[in-house]
Amino acid sequence: MIKILENVSLKPYNTFGITALAKYFAVFSSLQDLMDVLNSEAFVNTKKFFLGGGSNILLLNDFDGLVLKNEIEGLETV
């Protein structure tokens, strides 16, 4: 299971460097890690926000939910 952190600053995760907090934050680097969190009873009814490189978002407020930082590398053709 991946580590879930609380009250994490999102400043290092957005290119504007805007300070905002995530109530919960987790980094996933595999599909299994992601599925474990999404199926976790603790977060089933929690708002979720998926974060990639952070260059296409403008944070205006804190996020009262779970921010999931995608660190899956590579592309796969299916």
N, C-alpha and C. Protein backbone atom coordinates (compact mmCIF):
# COMPACT_ATOMS: atom_id res chain seq x y z
N MET A 1 0.85 -1.19 0.00
CA MET A 1 0.00 0.00 0.00
C MET A 1 0.89 1.24 0.00
N ILE A 2 0.47 2.24 -0.73
CA ILE A 2 1.26 3.47 -0.77
C ILE A 2 0.97 4.34 0.45
N LYS A 3 1.89 5.22 0.72
CA LYS A 3 1.79 6.08 1.90
C LYS A 3 0.88 7.27 1.61
N ILE A 4 -0.09 7.50 2.49
CA ILE A 4 -1.00 8.64 2.39
C ILE A 4 -0.54 9.69 3.40
N LEU A 5 -0.22 10.87 2.90
CA LEU A 5 0.21 11.97 3.76
C LEU A 5 -0.96 12.93 3.98
N GLU A 6 -0.91 13.69 5.06
CA GLU A 6 -1.97 14.65 5.37
C GLU A 6 -1.42 16.07 5.36
N ASN A 7 -2.28 17.01 4.92
CA ASN A 7 -1.97 18.45 4.90
C ASN A 7 -0.64 18.74 4.21
N VAL A 8 -0.57 18.36 2.95
CA VAL A 8 0.65 18.51 2.16
C VAL A 8 0.57 19.75 1.28
N SER A 9 1.64 20.53 1.27
CA SER A 9 1.72 21.70 0.39
C SER A 9 1.86 21.23 -1.05
N LEU A 10 1.09 21.84 -1.94
CA LEU A 10 1.16 21.52 -3.37
C LEU A 10 2.07 22.49 -4.12
N LYS A 11 2.70 23.38 -3.40
CA LYS A 11 3.58 24.38 -4.02
C LYS A 11 4.66 23.74 -4.90
N PRO A 12 5.34 22.67 -4.46
CA PRO A 12 6.37 22.08 -5.32
C PRO A 12 5.81 21.30 -6.50
N TYR A 13 4.50 21.13 -6.56
CA TYR A 13 3.87 20.31 -7.59
C TYR A 13 3.13 21.11 -8.65
N ASN A 14 3.30 22.44 -8.67
CA ASN A 14 2.69 23.24 -9.73
C ASN A 14 3.68 24.29 -10.20
N THR A 15 3.70 24.52 -11.50
CA THR A 15 4.73 25.40 -12.09
C THR A 15 4.55 26.86 -11.72
N PHE A 16 3.37 27.26 -11.26
CA PHE A 16 3.17 28.63 -10.80
C PHE A 16 3.73 28.84 -9.39
N GLY A 17 4.00 27.74 -8.69
CA GLY A 17 4.54 27.83 -7.33
C GLY A 17 3.56 28.41 -6.34
N ILE A 18 2.27 28.21 -6.59
CA ILE A 18 1.23 28.73 -5.71
C ILE A 18 1.05 27.80 -4.51
N THR A 19 0.95 28.40 -3.35
CA THR A 19 0.76 27.62 -2.14
C THR A 19 -0.70 27.20 -2.01
N ALA A 20 -0.93 25.92 -1.89
CA ALA A 20 -2.24 25.34 -1.62
C ALA A 20 -1.97 24.04 -0.89
N LEU A 21 -2.91 23.62 -0.06
CA LEU A 21 -2.74 22.39 0.69
C LEU A 21 -3.70 21.31 0.20
N ALA A 22 -3.22 20.08 0.24
CA ALA A 22 -4.07 18.92 -0.01
C ALA A 22 -4.36 18.27 1.33
N LYS A 23 -5.63 18.01 1.60
CA LYS A 23 -5.97 17.34 2.86
C LYS A 23 -5.25 16.00 2.93
N TYR A 24 -5.26 15.25 1.82
CA TYR A 24 -4.54 13.99 1.71
C TYR A 24 -3.74 14.00 0.41
N PHE A 25 -2.61 13.32 0.42
CA PHE A 25 -1.72 13.31 -0.75
C PHE A 25 -1.02 11.97 -0.84
N ALA A 26 -0.95 11.43 -2.06
CA ALA A 26 -0.24 10.18 -2.28
C ALA A 26 0.40 10.20 -3.66
N VAL A 27 1.54 9.55 -3.77
CA VAL A 27 2.24 9.38 -5.04
C VAL A 27 2.10 7.93 -5.45
N PHE A 28 1.67 7.70 -6.69
CA PHE A 28 1.60 6.32 -7.17
C PHE A 28 2.51 6.15 -8.38
N SER A 29 3.18 5.01 -8.44
CA SER A 29 4.09 4.74 -9.54
C SER A 29 3.78 3.44 -10.26
N SER A 30 2.63 2.87 -9.93
CA SER A 30 2.16 1.67 -10.65
C SER A 30 0.64 1.65 -10.63
N LEU A 31 0.09 0.93 -11.57
CA LEU A 31 -1.37 0.79 -11.64
C LEU A 31 -1.89 0.11 -10.38
N GLN A 32 -1.15 -0.86 -9.86
CA GLN A 32 -1.57 -1.55 -8.64
C GLN A 32 -1.64 -0.61 -7.45
N ASP A 33 -0.65 0.29 -7.32
CA ASP A 33 -0.69 1.29 -6.24
C ASP A 33 -1.94 2.15 -6.36
N LEU A 34 -2.23 2.59 -7.56
CA LEU A 34 -3.43 3.43 -7.78
C LEU A 34 -4.69 2.67 -7.42
N MET A 35 -4.81 1.44 -7.88
CA MET A 35 -6.00 0.64 -7.60
C MET A 35 -6.17 0.39 -6.11
N ASP A 36 -5.05 0.17 -5.40
CA ASP A 36 -5.12 -0.05 -3.96
C ASP A 36 -5.72 1.16 -3.25
N VAL A 37 -5.29 2.35 -3.64
CA VAL A 37 -5.83 3.57 -3.01
C VAL A 37 -7.29 3.78 -3.41
N LEU A 38 -7.61 3.64 -4.68
CA LEU A 38 -8.99 3.88 -5.13
C LEU A 38 -9.97 2.89 -4.51
N ASN A 39 -9.51 1.69 -4.22
CA ASN A 39 -10.38 0.67 -3.62
C ASN A 39 -10.32 0.67 -2.10
N SER A 40 -9.51 1.53 -1.53
CA SER A 40 -9.39 1.61 -0.08
C SER A 40 -10.69 2.13 0.53
N GLU A 41 -11.17 1.45 1.52
CA GLU A 41 -12.41 1.85 2.17
C GLU A 41 -12.33 3.27 2.74
N ALA A 42 -11.15 3.67 3.17
CA ALA A 42 -10.96 4.98 3.77
C ALA A 42 -11.15 6.12 2.78
N PHE A 43 -10.97 5.86 1.47
CA PHE A 43 -11.02 6.94 0.49
C PHE A 43 -12.06 6.76 -0.61
N VAL A 44 -12.92 5.76 -0.46
CA VAL A 44 -13.94 5.50 -1.48
C VAL A 44 -14.83 6.72 -1.71
N ASN A 45 -15.23 7.41 -0.67
CA ASN A 45 -16.14 8.54 -0.80
C ASN A 45 -15.44 9.90 -0.68
N THR A 46 -14.14 9.91 -0.89
CA THR A 46 -13.35 11.14 -0.79
C THR A 46 -13.16 11.73 -2.18
N LYS A 47 -13.26 13.07 -2.29
CA LYS A 47 -12.97 13.73 -3.56
C LYS A 47 -11.54 13.43 -3.94
N LYS A 48 -11.30 13.28 -5.26
CA LYS A 48 -9.96 12.97 -5.74
C LYS A 48 -9.56 13.93 -6.85
N PHE A 49 -8.26 14.24 -6.89
CA PHE A 49 -7.70 15.08 -7.94
C PHE A 49 -6.41 14.43 -8.40
N PHE A 50 -6.30 14.19 -9.71
CA PHE A 50 -5.12 13.55 -10.26
C PHE A 50 -4.17 14.62 -10.77
N LEU A 51 -2.91 14.51 -10.37
CA LEU A 51 -1.90 15.50 -10.69
C LEU A 51 -0.78 14.84 -11.47
N GLY A 52 -0.44 15.46 -12.60
CA GLY A 52 0.69 14.96 -13.40
C GLY A 52 1.90 15.82 -13.12
N GLY A 53 2.36 16.53 -14.15
CA GLY A 53 3.53 17.39 -14.01
C GLY A 53 3.25 18.73 -13.36
N GLY A 54 1.98 19.12 -13.28
CA GLY A 54 1.61 20.37 -12.62
C GLY A 54 1.73 21.60 -13.49
N SER A 55 1.93 21.42 -14.81
CA SER A 55 2.11 22.59 -15.68
C SER A 55 0.80 23.09 -16.28
N ASN A 56 -0.27 22.35 -16.15
CA ASN A 56 -1.55 22.75 -16.75
C ASN A 56 -2.62 23.05 -15.70
N ILE A 57 -2.20 23.41 -14.50
CA ILE A 57 -3.18 23.72 -13.46
C ILE A 57 -2.85 25.05 -12.79
N LEU A 58 -3.88 25.68 -12.33
CA LEU A 58 -3.74 26.90 -11.54
C LEU A 58 -4.50 26.66 -10.24
N LEU A 59 -3.80 26.55 -9.17
CA LEU A 59 -4.41 26.26 -7.87
C LEU A 59 -4.88 27.57 -7.24
N LEU A 60 -6.14 27.61 -6.88
CA LEU A 60 -6.71 28.81 -6.27
C LEU A 60 -7.02 28.62 -4.79
N ASN A 61 -7.25 27.38 -4.39
CA ASN A 61 -7.65 27.08 -3.01
C ASN A 61 -7.02 25.77 -2.56
N ASP A 62 -7.11 25.52 -1.27
CA ASP A 62 -6.74 24.22 -0.74
C ASP A 62 -7.71 23.17 -1.29
N PHE A 63 -7.27 21.91 -1.36
CA PHE A 63 -8.12 20.83 -1.85
C PHE A 63 -8.50 19.93 -0.69
N ASP A 64 -9.79 19.87 -0.40
CA ASP A 64 -10.32 19.09 0.71
C ASP A 64 -10.63 17.66 0.25
N GLY A 65 -9.60 16.96 -0.16
CA GLY A 65 -9.75 15.61 -0.65
C GLY A 65 -8.39 14.98 -0.82
N LEU A 66 -8.31 13.99 -1.71
CA LEU A 66 -7.09 13.23 -1.94
C LEU A 66 -6.48 13.63 -3.27
N VAL A 67 -5.26 14.14 -3.23
CA VAL A 67 -4.51 14.44 -4.45
C VAL A 67 -3.62 13.24 -4.74
N LEU A 68 -3.74 12.72 -5.96
CA LEU A 68 -2.96 11.56 -6.38
C LEU A 68 -1.96 12.00 -7.44
N LYS A 69 -0.69 11.93 -7.12
CA LYS A 69 0.38 12.35 -8.02
C LYS A 69 0.84 11.16 -8.83
N ASN A 70 0.67 11.27 -10.16
CA ASN A 70 1.02 10.19 -11.07
C ASN A 70 2.51 10.22 -11.38
N GLU A 71 3.20 9.14 -11.05
CA GLU A 71 4.61 9.01 -11.40
C GLU A 71 4.87 7.70 -12.14
N ILE A 72 3.84 7.24 -12.88
CA ILE A 72 4.02 6.07 -13.74
C ILE A 72 4.83 6.54 -14.95
N GLU A 73 5.91 5.83 -15.23
CA GLU A 73 6.78 6.23 -16.33
C GLU A 73 6.53 5.36 -17.55
N GLY A 74 6.79 5.96 -18.72
CA GLY A 74 6.74 5.23 -19.97
C GLY A 74 5.35 5.17 -20.58
N LEU A 75 5.32 4.77 -21.83
CA LEU A 75 4.09 4.60 -22.58
C LEU A 75 3.97 3.16 -23.01
N GLU A 76 2.76 2.70 -23.13
CA GLU A 76 2.53 1.33 -23.58
C GLU A 76 1.42 1.33 -24.60
N THR A 77 1.64 0.72 -25.72
CA THR A 77 0.61 0.60 -26.74
C THR A 77 -0.14 -0.70 -26.50
N VAL A 78 -1.47 -0.58 -26.40
CA VAL A 78 -2.30 -1.74 -26.14
C VAL A 78 -3.13 -2.03 -27.37
